[in-house]
Protein backbone atom coordinates (compact mmCIF):
# COMPACT_ATOMS: atom_id res chain seq x y z
CA MET A 1 137.98 68.88 76.79
CA LYS A 2 140.45 71.19 78.75
CA ARG A 3 139.11 74.01 76.53
CA LEU A 4 135.46 73.44 77.51
CA ILE A 5 136.61 73.27 81.35
CA LEU A 6 138.31 76.59 80.74
CA LEU A 7 135.42 78.13 79.24
CA LEU A 8 133.08 76.82 82.05
CA LEU A 9 135.29 78.43 84.75
CA LEU A 10 135.39 81.66 83.00
CA ALA A 11 131.46 81.57 82.73
CA MET A 12 131.24 80.84 86.09
CA ALA A 13 133.77 83.96 86.88
CA VAL A 14 131.83 86.26 85.01
CA PHE A 15 128.48 85.10 86.38
CA THR A 16 130.17 85.41 90.01
CA THR A 17 130.88 88.99 89.15
CA VAL A 18 127.25 89.70 87.91
CA ILE A 19 125.47 88.10 91.14
CA ALA A 20 128.02 89.84 93.74
CA GLU A 21 125.79 91.45 96.50
CA PRO A 22 126.63 94.85 97.49
CA ILE A 23 127.53 96.36 100.93
CA ARG A 24 124.28 97.29 102.36
CA ILE A 25 124.16 100.32 104.50
CA VAL A 26 121.21 101.78 106.46
CA PRO A 27 121.40 105.08 107.45
CA ILE A 28 119.21 105.71 110.96
CA GLY A 29 118.24 108.76 112.49
CA ASP A 30 116.10 111.88 112.60
CA SER A 31 116.06 114.99 110.34
CA ILE A 32 119.83 115.14 109.77
CA THR A 33 119.50 111.80 108.53
CA GLN A 34 116.39 112.47 106.50
CA GLY A 35 116.83 115.99 105.41
CA GLY A 36 114.44 116.93 102.24
CA ARG A 37 113.28 120.24 103.24
CA SER A 38 112.32 122.68 100.62
CA GLY A 39 113.90 125.93 99.95
CA ARG A 40 117.20 124.87 100.90
CA GLU A 41 119.97 122.23 99.83
CA GLU A 42 119.22 119.93 102.77
CA TYR A 43 120.74 117.12 100.92
CA THR A 44 121.74 115.47 104.32
CA TYR A 45 125.51 113.54 104.79
CA ARG A 46 123.61 110.74 102.64
CA TYR A 47 123.98 112.29 99.48
CA SER A 48 127.67 113.49 99.85
CA LEU A 49 128.73 109.78 101.44
CA PHE A 50 126.93 108.32 98.20
CA CYS A 51 129.33 110.38 96.08
CA LYS A 52 132.21 109.19 98.10
CA MET A 53 131.30 105.54 97.67
CA LYS A 54 130.78 106.13 94.19
CA ASP A 55 134.02 107.53 93.65
CA ALA A 56 135.88 105.04 95.65
CA GLY A 57 134.29 102.40 93.47
CA TYR A 58 132.27 100.53 96.02
CA ASP A 59 129.21 98.49 95.07
CA PHE A 60 126.75 99.81 97.85
CA ASP A 61 122.90 99.94 98.61
CA PHE A 62 121.33 102.23 100.97
CA ILE A 63 118.53 100.51 102.47
CA GLY A 64 115.39 101.72 104.72
CA SER A 65 111.74 102.04 104.60
CA LEU A 66 111.66 105.74 103.38
CA LYS A 67 112.78 107.46 99.99
CA SER A 68 111.60 110.90 100.40
CA GLY A 69 112.49 113.81 102.45
CA LEU A 70 110.34 116.12 104.83
CA ASN A 71 108.59 117.35 101.64
CA ALA A 72 107.46 115.20 99.08
CA ASP A 73 108.61 117.45 96.11
CA PHE A 74 112.12 117.64 97.30
CA LYS A 75 114.74 116.16 94.78
CA TRP A 76 118.20 115.05 95.13
CA PRO A 77 120.46 115.49 92.19
CA ASP A 78 122.10 113.01 90.14
CA TYR A 79 125.80 112.18 90.52
CA LYS A 80 127.76 111.75 87.61
CA GLY A 81 124.77 110.77 85.56
CA GLN A 82 123.72 108.25 88.40
CA PRO A 83 120.72 108.75 90.28
CA PHE A 84 120.84 109.08 93.97
CA ASP A 85 119.92 106.18 96.15
CA THR A 86 117.32 107.72 98.47
CA ASP A 87 116.59 104.85 100.75
CA HIS A 88 116.92 105.51 104.18
CA GLU A 89 115.88 105.38 107.97
CA GLY A 90 115.89 109.02 108.82
CA HIS A 91 112.47 110.39 110.46
CA TYR A 92 112.30 114.08 110.87
CA GLY A 93 111.73 115.13 114.50
CA TRP A 94 111.64 111.70 115.95
CA LYS A 95 113.34 110.91 119.55
CA THR A 96 115.68 107.71 119.67
CA ALA A 97 113.20 105.70 121.68
CA ALA A 98 110.34 106.48 118.61
CA VAL A 99 112.90 105.10 116.17
CA HIS A 100 113.77 102.40 118.59
CA ASP A 101 110.08 101.12 118.76
CA LYS A 102 109.80 100.94 114.80
CA LEU A 103 112.98 99.73 114.15
CA GLN A 104 112.09 96.00 114.21
CA GLY A 105 109.25 96.06 112.06
CA TRP A 106 111.38 98.43 109.31
CA ILE A 107 114.20 95.64 109.24
CA ASN A 108 111.89 93.04 109.16
CA ASP A 109 110.67 94.09 105.67
CA TYR A 110 114.24 94.74 104.41
CA ALA A 111 115.02 92.41 101.28
CA ALA A 112 118.46 91.87 103.21
CA PRO A 113 119.91 92.74 106.26
CA ALA A 114 122.34 95.89 106.85
CA ASP A 115 126.13 95.01 106.59
CA ILE A 116 126.69 98.57 108.31
CA ALA A 117 124.49 100.85 110.32
CA LEU A 118 125.25 104.48 110.47
CA ILE A 119 123.09 105.81 113.48
CA HIS A 120 122.50 109.66 114.38
CA LEU A 121 119.91 109.93 117.23
CA GLY A 122 119.81 112.09 120.49
CA THR A 123 119.26 115.38 119.06
CA ASN A 124 115.88 115.59 119.90
CA ASP A 125 116.34 113.99 123.41
CA GLN A 126 118.42 116.88 124.58
CA GLY A 127 115.74 118.02 126.90
CA SER A 128 115.47 114.35 128.55
CA LYS A 129 115.49 114.04 132.44
CA ASP A 130 116.96 110.43 132.17
CA PHE A 131 119.49 109.79 129.03
CA ASN A 132 120.25 106.40 129.96
CA LYS A 133 116.55 105.67 129.83
CA ASP A 134 115.72 107.64 126.70
CA ILE A 135 118.83 107.23 124.61
CA ILE A 136 121.49 104.82 125.73
CA GLU A 137 119.13 101.71 126.36
CA PRO A 138 117.14 102.10 123.10
CA MET A 139 120.47 102.37 121.31
CA LYS A 140 121.60 99.18 122.82
CA ASP A 141 118.50 97.56 122.10
CA MET A 142 118.80 98.55 118.54
CA VAL A 143 122.24 97.00 117.98
CA LYS A 144 120.58 93.93 119.26
CA MET A 145 117.83 94.04 116.61
CA LEU A 146 120.23 94.52 113.79
CA ARG A 147 122.68 91.46 115.05
CA GLU A 148 119.66 89.39 115.04
CA LYS A 149 119.55 89.69 111.04
CA ASN A 150 123.25 89.89 110.85
CA PRO A 151 125.62 88.73 113.39
CA ARG A 152 128.37 90.67 111.86
CA VAL A 153 126.83 93.88 111.17
CA VAL A 154 129.08 97.13 111.87
CA VAL A 155 127.51 99.67 113.72
CA ILE A 156 128.55 103.15 114.20
CA PHE A 157 127.08 106.05 116.37
CA ALA A 158 127.47 109.66 115.74
CA HIS A 159 128.30 111.83 118.56
CA LEU A 160 125.82 115.09 118.19
CA ASN A 161 126.98 117.73 116.11
CA PHE A 162 127.27 120.36 118.86
CA ASN A 163 130.28 121.47 121.07
CA GLY A 164 128.22 122.63 124.20
CA GLY A 165 125.01 122.05 126.01
CA LYS A 166 123.48 118.47 127.05
CA ALA A 167 125.29 117.18 123.94
CA LEU A 168 128.48 117.23 126.52
CA GLU A 169 126.63 114.84 129.00
CA ILE A 170 125.21 112.68 126.38
CA ARG A 171 128.56 111.94 124.64
CA PRO A 172 130.64 110.07 127.42
CA LEU A 173 127.11 107.80 127.67
CA VAL A 174 127.28 106.99 124.32
CA ALA A 175 130.90 106.34 124.08
CA LYS A 176 130.81 104.11 127.28
CA MET A 177 127.72 102.19 125.76
CA ALA A 178 129.62 101.36 122.45
CA GLU A 179 132.75 100.08 124.41
CA GLU A 180 130.55 97.54 126.49
CA ILE A 181 128.86 96.08 123.45
CA THR A 182 131.53 96.21 120.78
CA THR A 183 132.69 92.74 119.64
CA LYS A 184 135.29 91.49 117.24
CA GLU A 185 132.55 89.97 115.30
CA SER A 186 130.23 93.00 115.41
CA PRO A 187 131.79 96.11 115.95
CA VAL A 188 130.19 99.08 117.76
CA LEU A 189 132.05 102.16 117.10
CA THR A 190 131.44 106.25 117.40
CA VAL A 191 132.51 109.17 115.21
CA ASN A 192 133.06 112.47 116.61
CA MET A 193 130.92 114.73 114.25
CA TYR A 194 131.58 117.71 116.60
CA GLU A 195 135.20 117.82 116.08
CA GLY A 196 135.86 120.86 113.57
CA TRP A 197 132.28 121.62 113.54
CA ILE A 198 130.79 125.16 113.81
CA GLU A 199 127.14 124.99 114.44
CA ASP A 200 126.31 128.76 115.13
CA PRO A 201 124.75 129.77 111.65
CA GLN A 202 125.88 133.46 112.57
CA LYS A 203 129.42 132.59 112.63
CA GLU A 204 131.66 132.55 109.47
CA GLY A 205 132.40 129.17 108.08
CA THR A 206 129.25 127.88 109.71
CA ASP A 207 128.48 124.06 108.88
CA THR A 208 124.41 124.56 109.56
CA PHE A 209 121.52 126.12 108.26
CA ASP A 210 119.86 126.56 111.68
CA TRP A 211 122.13 125.11 114.54
CA ALA A 212 121.06 121.81 113.71
CA HIS A 213 120.78 120.95 110.21
CA PRO A 214 123.94 120.57 108.31
CA ASN A 215 124.27 123.04 105.19
CA PRO A 216 126.26 121.45 102.23
CA GLN A 217 129.48 122.35 103.56
CA GLY A 218 128.46 120.43 106.93
CA GLN A 219 127.22 117.49 104.91
CA LYS A 220 130.53 116.90 103.40
CA LYS A 221 132.27 117.15 106.60
CA MET A 222 129.77 114.52 107.93
CA SER A 223 130.11 112.08 104.99
CA LYS A 224 133.90 112.27 105.39
CA LYS A 225 133.73 111.17 108.83
CA TRP A 226 131.47 108.41 108.07
CA PHE A 227 133.33 107.37 105.29
CA GLU A 228 136.78 107.31 107.24
CA LYS A 229 135.29 105.32 110.13
CA MET A 230 133.69 102.92 107.68
CA LYS A 231 136.80 102.50 105.44
CA PRO A 232 138.63 99.67 107.34
CA PHE A 233 135.56 97.28 107.18
CA LEU A 234 134.32 98.12 103.45
CA ASP A 235 137.09 96.00 101.71
CA ASP A 236 136.40 93.07 104.18
CA ILE A 237 132.59 93.18 103.71
CA ALA A 238 133.12 93.38 99.86
CA LYS A 239 135.38 90.42 100.08
CA SER A 240 133.36 88.24 102.18
CA LYS A 241 130.27 88.87 99.95
CA LYS A 242 132.24 87.95 96.81
CA ASN A 243 133.53 84.64 98.55
CA LYS A 244 130.07 83.73 99.80
CA ASP A 245 128.54 84.05 96.22
CA GLU A 246 131.50 82.17 94.78
CA LYS A 247 130.59 79.25 97.12
CA LYS A 248 127.05 79.59 95.97
CA VAL A 249 127.94 79.36 92.21
CA LEU A 250 130.21 76.46 92.81
CA LEU A 251 127.44 74.64 94.73
C-alpha cells in the first residue's frame, strides 16, 4: 500500500511539471517593438530577449495578436535550434492612443492574460501638443485594462531611446505616472532605455539604423535592460504558477 501511495505521489509530481503554465509576456509598442523590415536585421529587442530568457532557463510565452513584422516575408532566425516566439503587440507607426483604443479587443482574445507587459510607446507622439492627453492618460488606462485581466500583472514602461528633444519632456511625465499607479500587488515600473544609448546613426558605436529603430547592438542593449528590470519578478511568478498548478492537481 505504501509503495502504491509513493508511486501515485511521484506520478502527481511528474504531471504537475508537465502542465505548469509559462510566464506570459506581452510586448506592446510601435515599430521598435514590431520590427521585421526587410533589408536589414530589424529583429527588435524581442529576439534578443527571447535568447536571454531561454539561456536563463525560464519557461515563458510571448503573447499578442500579431506574429509578423512590417514585411510579411521577414524571417526571424532560430536560436540554438529553437524557433523564435513571434507573438507580439507591436504596431509599426502607431501612436499611443491608437494602441490604447485597440488593446481591450486584443487582450480579450488572448488565451490567458499577461503576467508581464513590456510597453514601449511615445516615439510617434513626440509632435503632440498635449503629452498628458495623448500619451499619459492612454498609458494609465492600458494598465487598468491589463489589471482587469490579471490583478497581479507587472507593467514596465520604457523611457524613449532618445537623449534630446521632446523625449526629455515626456520622460518625467511617464515616471510620475508610474509612481502614482504602482501597487505592491501590481507593480508599475520604468526602464531607462536612453542610458548608454547612441541614437545618431552617423556616430561610432551607434545603436540605431536611422535614429529610431535599433540595430542588432541596440536590440541587445534594450533586451538587457528589459531582462534586468523583469528579473526580480520572474522567479516569484514562476513559483506562484507552479503552486497554482499543484493545487489544481491535488484537487
